N, C-alpha and C. Protein backbone atom coordinates (compact mmCIF):
# COMPACT_ATOMS: atom_id res chain seq x y z
N MET A 1 48.84 35.82 31.75
CA MET A 1 48.24 37.28 32.67
C MET A 1 46.58 36.89 33.15
N LEU A 2 45.96 35.78 32.31
CA LEU A 2 44.73 36.25 32.89
C LEU A 2 44.83 35.15 34.08
N SER A 3 43.57 35.85 35.01
CA SER A 3 43.26 35.07 36.31
C SER A 3 42.18 35.39 37.07
N ASP A 4 42.13 34.29 37.57
CA ASP A 4 40.17 34.36 37.84
C ASP A 4 40.79 35.26 39.94
N LYS A 5 42.25 35.34 40.29
CA LYS A 5 42.42 36.07 41.28
C LYS A 5 42.63 37.29 41.03
N PRO A 6 42.40 38.61 41.88
CA PRO A 6 43.03 39.64 42.18
C PRO A 6 44.20 39.93 42.45
N HIS A 7 44.51 40.63 41.35
CA HIS A 7 45.99 41.05 41.78
C HIS A 7 46.54 42.06 40.94
N ILE A 8 47.78 42.42 41.86
CA ILE A 8 48.11 43.98 41.52
C ILE A 8 48.86 44.08 40.24
N ILE A 9 48.97 45.06 39.10
CA ILE A 9 49.44 45.11 37.67
C ILE A 9 50.38 46.72 38.16
N GLU A 10 51.91 45.93 37.76
CA GLU A 10 52.74 46.53 37.95
C GLU A 10 53.38 47.44 36.62
N LEU A 11 53.21 49.17 36.58
CA LEU A 11 53.74 49.64 35.06
C LEU A 11 54.84 50.14 35.24
N LYS A 12 55.08 50.46 34.06
CA LYS A 12 56.35 51.18 34.08
C LYS A 12 56.54 52.80 33.89
N SER A 13 56.94 53.28 34.84
CA SER A 13 56.98 55.09 34.55
C SER A 13 58.15 55.54 34.21
N ILE A 14 57.73 56.43 33.20
CA ILE A 14 58.57 56.97 32.33
C ILE A 14 58.97 58.27 33.06
N GLY A 15 60.00 58.65 33.48
CA GLY A 15 60.72 60.18 33.10
C GLY A 15 61.27 60.51 34.86
N SER A 16 61.22 61.52 34.97
CA SER A 16 61.90 62.29 35.93
C SER A 16 61.10 63.26 36.85
N SER A 17 61.38 63.43 38.38
CA SER A 17 61.03 64.70 39.30
C SER A 17 60.92 65.97 38.98
N SER A 18 61.95 66.16 38.27
CA SER A 18 62.37 67.41 37.35
C SER A 18 60.65 68.43 36.12
N LEU A 19 60.93 66.77 35.19
CA LEU A 19 59.99 66.99 34.29
C LEU A 19 58.70 66.63 34.22
N GLY A 20 58.54 65.36 35.11
CA GLY A 20 56.98 64.61 35.06
C GLY A 20 57.12 63.40 34.67
N TYR A 21 56.12 62.64 34.53
CA TYR A 21 56.12 60.94 34.70
C TYR A 21 55.15 60.73 33.77
N ILE A 22 54.98 59.52 32.79
CA ILE A 22 53.94 59.12 31.76
C ILE A 22 54.18 57.56 32.26
N THR A 23 52.92 56.95 32.24
CA THR A 23 53.05 55.89 32.53
C THR A 23 51.31 54.89 31.36
N VAL A 24 52.11 54.07 31.04
CA VAL A 24 51.41 53.56 29.79
C VAL A 24 51.12 52.19 30.29
N ALA A 25 49.89 51.63 29.79
CA ALA A 25 49.17 50.75 30.06
C ALA A 25 48.45 50.28 28.73
N GLU A 26 48.71 49.20 28.12
CA GLU A 26 48.60 48.58 26.97
C GLU A 26 47.56 47.40 26.82
N GLN A 27 46.45 47.27 26.21
CA GLN A 27 45.42 46.12 25.75
C GLN A 27 46.10 44.54 25.51
N GLN A 28 45.86 43.86 26.60
CA GLN A 28 46.30 42.59 26.05
C GLN A 28 48.20 42.53 26.08
N HIS A 29 48.52 43.59 26.35
CA HIS A 29 50.32 43.93 27.22
C HIS A 29 49.92 43.64 28.72
N HIS A 30 48.97 44.67 29.00
CA HIS A 30 48.98 44.88 30.57
C HIS A 30 47.87 44.80 31.25
N ILE A 31 46.85 45.05 30.18
CA ILE A 31 45.30 44.82 30.41
C ILE A 31 44.64 43.58 30.10
N PRO A 32 44.42 42.49 31.07
CA PRO A 32 43.92 40.94 30.44
C PRO A 32 42.95 41.12 29.34
N PHE A 33 42.59 42.00 28.83
CA PHE A 33 40.93 42.03 28.22
C PHE A 33 41.19 43.54 27.40
N GLU A 34 39.96 43.09 26.67
CA GLU A 34 39.71 44.71 25.66
C GLU A 34 38.91 45.42 26.00
N ILE A 35 39.47 46.72 26.13
CA ILE A 35 38.74 47.75 26.95
C ILE A 35 37.80 48.41 26.06
N LYS A 36 36.66 47.87 27.11
CA LYS A 36 35.73 48.64 26.12
C LYS A 36 34.77 49.92 26.72
N ARG A 37 35.28 50.49 28.03
CA ARG A 37 34.30 51.00 28.50
C ARG A 37 35.85 51.85 29.42
N VAL A 38 36.35 53.58 29.96
CA VAL A 38 36.42 53.84 30.64
C VAL A 38 35.91 55.31 31.74
N TYR A 39 36.08 54.67 32.96
CA TYR A 39 35.45 55.97 33.47
C TYR A 39 36.31 56.46 34.93
N TRP A 40 36.38 57.46 35.50
CA TRP A 40 36.78 57.58 36.81
C TRP A 40 36.04 58.04 37.64
N THR A 41 36.06 58.66 39.13
CA THR A 41 35.55 59.14 40.12
C THR A 41 36.79 59.69 40.83
N TYR A 42 35.96 61.27 41.11
CA TYR A 42 37.17 61.87 41.93
C TYR A 42 36.52 62.99 43.17
N TYR A 43 36.72 63.37 44.02
CA TYR A 43 36.29 64.12 45.30
C TYR A 43 34.81 63.77 45.85
N THR A 44 35.89 62.51 46.20
CA THR A 44 34.91 60.91 46.78
C THR A 44 35.32 61.62 48.80
N PRO A 45 34.30 62.27 49.65
CA PRO A 45 34.46 62.31 50.79
C PRO A 45 35.77 61.08 51.34
N ASN A 46 36.50 61.16 51.96
CA ASN A 46 37.07 60.74 53.38
C ASN A 46 35.68 59.71 54.19
N GLN A 47 35.17 60.04 54.82
CA GLN A 47 33.64 59.14 55.09
C GLN A 47 33.61 58.11 54.31
N VAL A 48 32.95 58.33 53.05
CA VAL A 48 32.38 57.62 52.51
C VAL A 48 32.80 56.10 51.85
N THR A 49 32.65 55.29 52.26
CA THR A 49 32.63 53.61 51.19
C THR A 49 32.10 53.62 50.73
N ARG A 50 32.83 53.02 49.07
CA ARG A 50 31.85 53.22 47.66
C ARG A 50 31.88 51.69 47.36
N GLY A 51 31.34 51.12 46.47
CA GLY A 51 31.65 49.82 45.95
C GLY A 51 30.35 49.38 46.28
N HIS A 52 30.52 48.11 47.34
CA HIS A 52 29.10 47.63 47.78
C HIS A 52 28.63 46.89 46.83
N HIS A 53 29.19 45.63 46.14
CA HIS A 53 28.55 45.62 44.62
C HIS A 53 29.57 44.34 44.09
N ALA A 54 28.98 43.31 42.87
CA ALA A 54 30.39 42.76 42.66
C ALA A 54 29.38 42.91 40.95
N HIS A 55 30.46 42.03 40.09
CA HIS A 55 29.92 42.02 38.78
C HIS A 55 29.73 40.44 38.33
N LYS A 56 28.67 39.95 37.26
CA LYS A 56 28.85 39.05 37.38
C LYS A 56 29.07 38.19 35.82
N ALA A 57 29.85 39.59 35.21
CA ALA A 57 31.03 38.97 34.32
C ALA A 57 32.13 40.14 33.78
N LEU A 58 32.01 41.32 34.39
CA LEU A 58 32.64 42.36 33.60
C LEU A 58 34.07 42.17 34.75
N LYS A 59 35.60 42.58 34.05
CA LYS A 59 36.56 42.64 34.70
C LYS A 59 36.78 43.66 34.68
N GLN A 60 37.89 44.61 35.88
CA GLN A 60 38.58 45.31 35.78
C GLN A 60 39.67 45.88 35.91
N CYS A 61 40.34 46.60 36.01
CA CYS A 61 41.66 46.97 35.72
C CYS A 61 41.81 48.82 36.43
N ILE A 62 41.86 49.25 37.66
CA ILE A 62 41.95 50.13 38.58
C ILE A 62 43.09 50.85 38.84
N PHE A 63 43.20 51.95 38.76
CA PHE A 63 44.00 53.10 38.83
C PHE A 63 43.85 54.02 40.02
N ALA A 64 44.55 54.76 41.00
CA ALA A 64 44.53 55.76 41.77
C ALA A 64 45.28 56.52 40.93
N VAL A 65 45.18 57.19 40.49
CA VAL A 65 46.10 57.94 39.44
C VAL A 65 46.17 59.23 40.16
N SER A 66 46.02 59.35 41.14
CA SER A 66 46.09 60.65 42.12
C SER A 66 45.66 60.07 43.75
N GLY A 67 46.27 60.01 44.99
CA GLY A 67 45.00 59.42 46.08
C GLY A 67 45.73 58.49 46.46
N GLN A 68 45.15 58.06 47.24
CA GLN A 68 45.19 56.69 47.98
C GLN A 68 43.51 56.13 47.90
N ILE A 69 43.76 54.40 47.92
CA ILE A 69 42.45 53.70 47.58
C ILE A 69 42.42 52.56 47.79
N GLU A 70 41.77 52.45 48.72
CA GLU A 70 41.95 51.00 49.81
C GLU A 70 40.41 49.76 49.10
N PHE A 71 40.88 48.73 48.67
CA PHE A 71 40.63 47.44 48.31
C PHE A 71 39.84 46.10 49.11
N GLU A 72 38.58 46.20 49.48
CA GLU A 72 38.26 45.09 50.43
C GLU A 72 38.05 44.17 49.51
N LEU A 73 37.99 43.31 48.76
CA LEU A 73 37.45 42.06 47.77
C LEU A 73 37.29 40.98 48.49
N ILE A 74 35.99 40.15 48.36
CA ILE A 74 35.47 38.99 49.03
C ILE A 74 35.33 37.96 47.44
N ASN A 75 35.79 37.04 47.06
CA ASN A 75 35.15 36.26 46.62
C ASN A 75 34.33 34.92 46.85
N MET A 76 33.52 34.50 46.00
CA MET A 76 32.52 33.28 45.73
C MET A 76 32.96 32.46 47.11
N ASP A 77 34.25 32.30 47.71
CA ASP A 77 34.50 31.00 48.25
C ASP A 77 34.17 31.70 50.10
N GLY A 78 34.04 32.97 49.95
CA GLY A 78 34.59 34.34 51.19
C GLY A 78 35.84 34.59 51.49
N VAL A 79 36.58 34.03 50.46
CA VAL A 79 38.10 34.46 50.34
C VAL A 79 38.11 36.09 50.45
N LYS A 80 38.94 36.70 51.62
CA LYS A 80 39.12 38.57 51.26
C LYS A 80 40.78 38.60 50.97
N TYR A 81 40.29 40.17 50.23
CA TYR A 81 41.68 40.52 49.80
C TYR A 81 41.69 41.91 49.92
N LYS A 82 42.74 42.29 50.86
CA LYS A 82 42.83 43.88 50.60
C LYS A 82 44.19 44.23 49.65
N PHE A 83 43.98 45.42 49.28
CA PHE A 83 44.66 46.25 48.01
C PHE A 83 44.65 47.47 48.49
N LEU A 84 45.53 48.01 47.96
CA LEU A 84 45.99 49.67 48.58
C LEU A 84 46.76 50.32 47.49
N LEU A 85 46.20 50.74 46.50
CA LEU A 85 46.31 51.81 45.85
C LEU A 85 47.03 52.82 45.74
N ASP A 86 48.39 52.97 45.58
CA ASP A 86 48.85 54.58 46.65
C ASP A 86 49.89 54.81 44.88
N SER A 87 49.70 54.71 43.97
CA SER A 87 50.70 55.04 43.37
C SER A 87 50.30 55.24 41.71
N PRO A 88 50.03 55.60 40.91
CA PRO A 88 49.54 55.76 39.39
C PRO A 88 50.08 54.63 38.68
N ASP A 89 51.11 54.14 39.29
CA ASP A 89 52.14 52.90 37.87
C ASP A 89 51.59 51.86 38.90
N ARG A 90 50.99 51.61 39.83
CA ARG A 90 50.19 50.24 40.15
C ARG A 90 48.32 49.89 39.89
N GLY A 91 48.39 48.74 39.50
CA GLY A 91 46.97 49.23 38.96
C GLY A 91 46.29 47.67 39.45
N LEU A 92 44.64 47.70 39.79
CA LEU A 92 44.15 46.62 40.55
C LEU A 92 43.75 45.88 39.44
N TYR A 93 44.02 44.29 39.25
CA TYR A 93 43.12 43.43 38.06
C TYR A 93 41.68 43.33 39.35
N ILE A 94 40.09 43.00 38.89
CA ILE A 94 39.49 42.79 39.82
C ILE A 94 38.60 41.81 39.05
N PRO A 95 38.58 40.19 38.67
CA PRO A 95 37.87 39.54 37.89
C PRO A 95 36.17 39.36 38.67
N PRO A 96 35.62 38.76 37.78
CA PRO A 96 34.10 38.85 37.82
C PRO A 96 33.96 38.04 39.02
N MET A 97 33.02 38.80 39.83
CA MET A 97 32.58 37.58 40.84
C MET A 97 33.20 37.91 42.25
N HIS A 98 33.49 39.21 42.49
CA HIS A 98 34.07 39.72 43.53
C HIS A 98 33.55 40.74 43.95
N TRP A 99 33.11 40.66 45.67
CA TRP A 99 32.33 41.93 46.02
C TRP A 99 33.53 42.82 46.40
N ARG A 100 33.16 44.30 46.53
CA ARG A 100 34.13 44.97 46.86
C ARG A 100 33.80 45.96 47.51
N THR A 101 34.27 46.60 48.19
CA THR A 101 34.37 48.40 49.19
C THR A 101 35.47 48.99 49.01
N ILE A 102 34.85 49.90 48.97
CA ILE A 102 36.14 50.70 48.43
C ILE A 102 35.97 51.79 49.36
N LYS A 103 37.55 52.87 49.64
CA LYS A 103 37.74 53.76 50.77
C LYS A 103 38.36 55.09 49.98
N PHE A 104 38.06 56.14 49.90
CA PHE A 104 39.14 57.00 49.36
C PHE A 104 39.50 57.91 50.43
N SER A 105 41.07 58.45 49.57
CA SER A 105 41.56 59.69 50.41
C SER A 105 40.79 60.96 49.75
N HIS A 106 40.48 62.05 49.99
CA HIS A 106 39.77 62.69 49.74
C HIS A 106 40.38 63.33 48.12
N SER A 107 41.73 63.44 48.18
CA SER A 107 42.81 64.09 46.57
C SER A 107 42.46 62.70 45.94
N ALA A 108 41.91 61.47 45.99
CA ALA A 108 42.19 60.13 45.35
C ALA A 108 41.06 60.41 43.63
N VAL A 109 41.19 60.06 42.61
CA VAL A 109 41.20 60.22 41.39
C VAL A 109 41.00 58.57 41.24
N LEU A 110 40.06 57.94 41.12
CA LEU A 110 40.03 56.52 40.66
C LEU A 110 40.07 56.14 39.51
N LEU A 111 40.89 55.47 38.05
CA LEU A 111 40.59 55.56 36.79
C LEU A 111 40.22 54.04 36.47
N CYS A 112 38.98 53.56 36.23
CA CYS A 112 38.77 51.74 35.77
C CYS A 112 38.56 52.41 34.43
N LEU A 113 39.52 50.42 34.07
CA LEU A 113 39.54 50.41 31.97
C LEU A 113 38.79 49.13 32.69
N ALA A 114 37.22 49.07 32.34
CA ALA A 114 36.37 47.64 31.82
C ALA A 114 36.22 47.34 30.55
N SER A 115 36.22 46.04 31.13
CA SER A 115 36.23 44.79 29.97
C SER A 115 34.47 44.92 29.25
N ASP A 116 33.42 45.81 29.34
CA ASP A 116 32.07 45.72 28.99
C ASP A 116 31.63 46.86 29.13
N LEU A 117 30.48 47.62 28.09
CA LEU A 117 29.67 48.49 28.37
C LEU A 117 28.84 48.66 29.92
N TYR A 118 28.72 49.74 30.07
CA TYR A 118 27.60 49.73 31.57
C TYR A 118 26.28 48.49 31.19
N ASN A 119 26.02 47.75 32.04
CA ASN A 119 24.76 46.96 31.99
C ASN A 119 24.56 46.79 33.17
N GLU A 120 23.34 47.25 33.62
CA GLU A 120 23.16 47.13 35.22
C GLU A 120 22.64 45.97 35.46
N SER A 121 22.38 44.77 34.41
CA SER A 121 22.09 43.50 34.74
C SER A 121 23.55 42.47 34.99
N ASP A 122 24.71 43.49 35.14
CA ASP A 122 25.37 42.73 35.09
C ASP A 122 26.22 43.12 36.45
N TYR A 123 25.47 43.67 37.50
CA TYR A 123 26.19 44.28 38.52
C TYR A 123 24.75 43.21 39.88
N ILE A 124 25.18 42.72 40.86
CA ILE A 124 24.75 42.38 41.80
C ILE A 124 25.05 43.36 43.27
N ARG A 125 24.10 43.72 43.60
CA ARG A 125 23.71 45.13 44.90
C ARG A 125 24.00 44.63 45.83
N ASP A 126 23.14 43.30 45.99
CA ASP A 126 22.98 42.87 47.78
C ASP A 126 23.72 41.96 48.09
N TYR A 127 24.50 41.92 49.29
CA TYR A 127 25.26 41.32 49.36
C TYR A 127 24.68 39.43 49.26
N ASN A 128 23.99 39.56 50.28
CA ASN A 128 22.97 38.31 50.66
C ASN A 128 22.86 37.45 48.97
N LYS A 129 22.56 38.09 48.03
CA LYS A 129 22.16 37.98 46.98
C LYS A 129 23.77 36.80 46.07
N PHE A 130 24.77 38.14 46.42
CA PHE A 130 26.03 37.61 46.30
C PHE A 130 26.35 36.55 46.56
N LEU A 131 25.94 36.08 47.90
CA LEU A 131 26.52 34.93 48.58
C LEU A 131 25.41 33.60 47.86
N LYS A 132 24.40 33.57 47.83
CA LYS A 132 23.76 32.82 47.14
C LYS A 132 23.74 32.46 45.95
N PHE A 133 24.34 33.36 45.24
CA PHE A 133 24.97 33.02 43.62
C PHE A 133 25.45 31.85 43.46
N LYS A 134 26.40 31.69 44.42
CA LYS A 134 27.35 30.51 44.00
C LYS A 134 26.18 29.00 43.77
N GLU A 135 25.34 29.48 44.90
CA GLU A 135 24.33 28.27 45.19
C GLU A 135 23.15 28.05 43.96
N ASN A 136 23.49 28.92 42.90
CA ASN A 136 22.19 29.01 42.07
C ASN A 136 21.23 29.17 42.40
N GLU A 137 20.96 30.33 43.53
CA GLU A 137 19.27 30.65 44.06
C GLU A 137 18.99 31.72 43.79
N ILE A 138 19.88 33.13 42.85
CA ILE A 138 19.22 33.79 42.52
C ILE A 138 19.52 34.00 40.76
């Protein structure tokens, strides 16, 4: 399951339209790391693009539990990945060192499972520094 490439995680939904659904994500079975932090974002206006950063070591699995969320990821070699999360039973694994931009539908709720506690020093918030990181210039 471990991969240095971002990829979709497919989870099983159990239930029916008449009763509702449940979806389960289990650490080490579906999530390829120990979960140390969980957070969510919501009510992000349509015209706002979030993200604009990379993480040096943090791994994340992100789910759109409601609405739609578009991701554009760029790795250290400049390879771009685009993903659309529009179902609560599909998640996105984001390994370290991937620059991200994120767009939300107004009703979107993003749920993130993270491999570590918040640490500001893990963030790269300047795209030019991200590009130079590979060259060990920062």
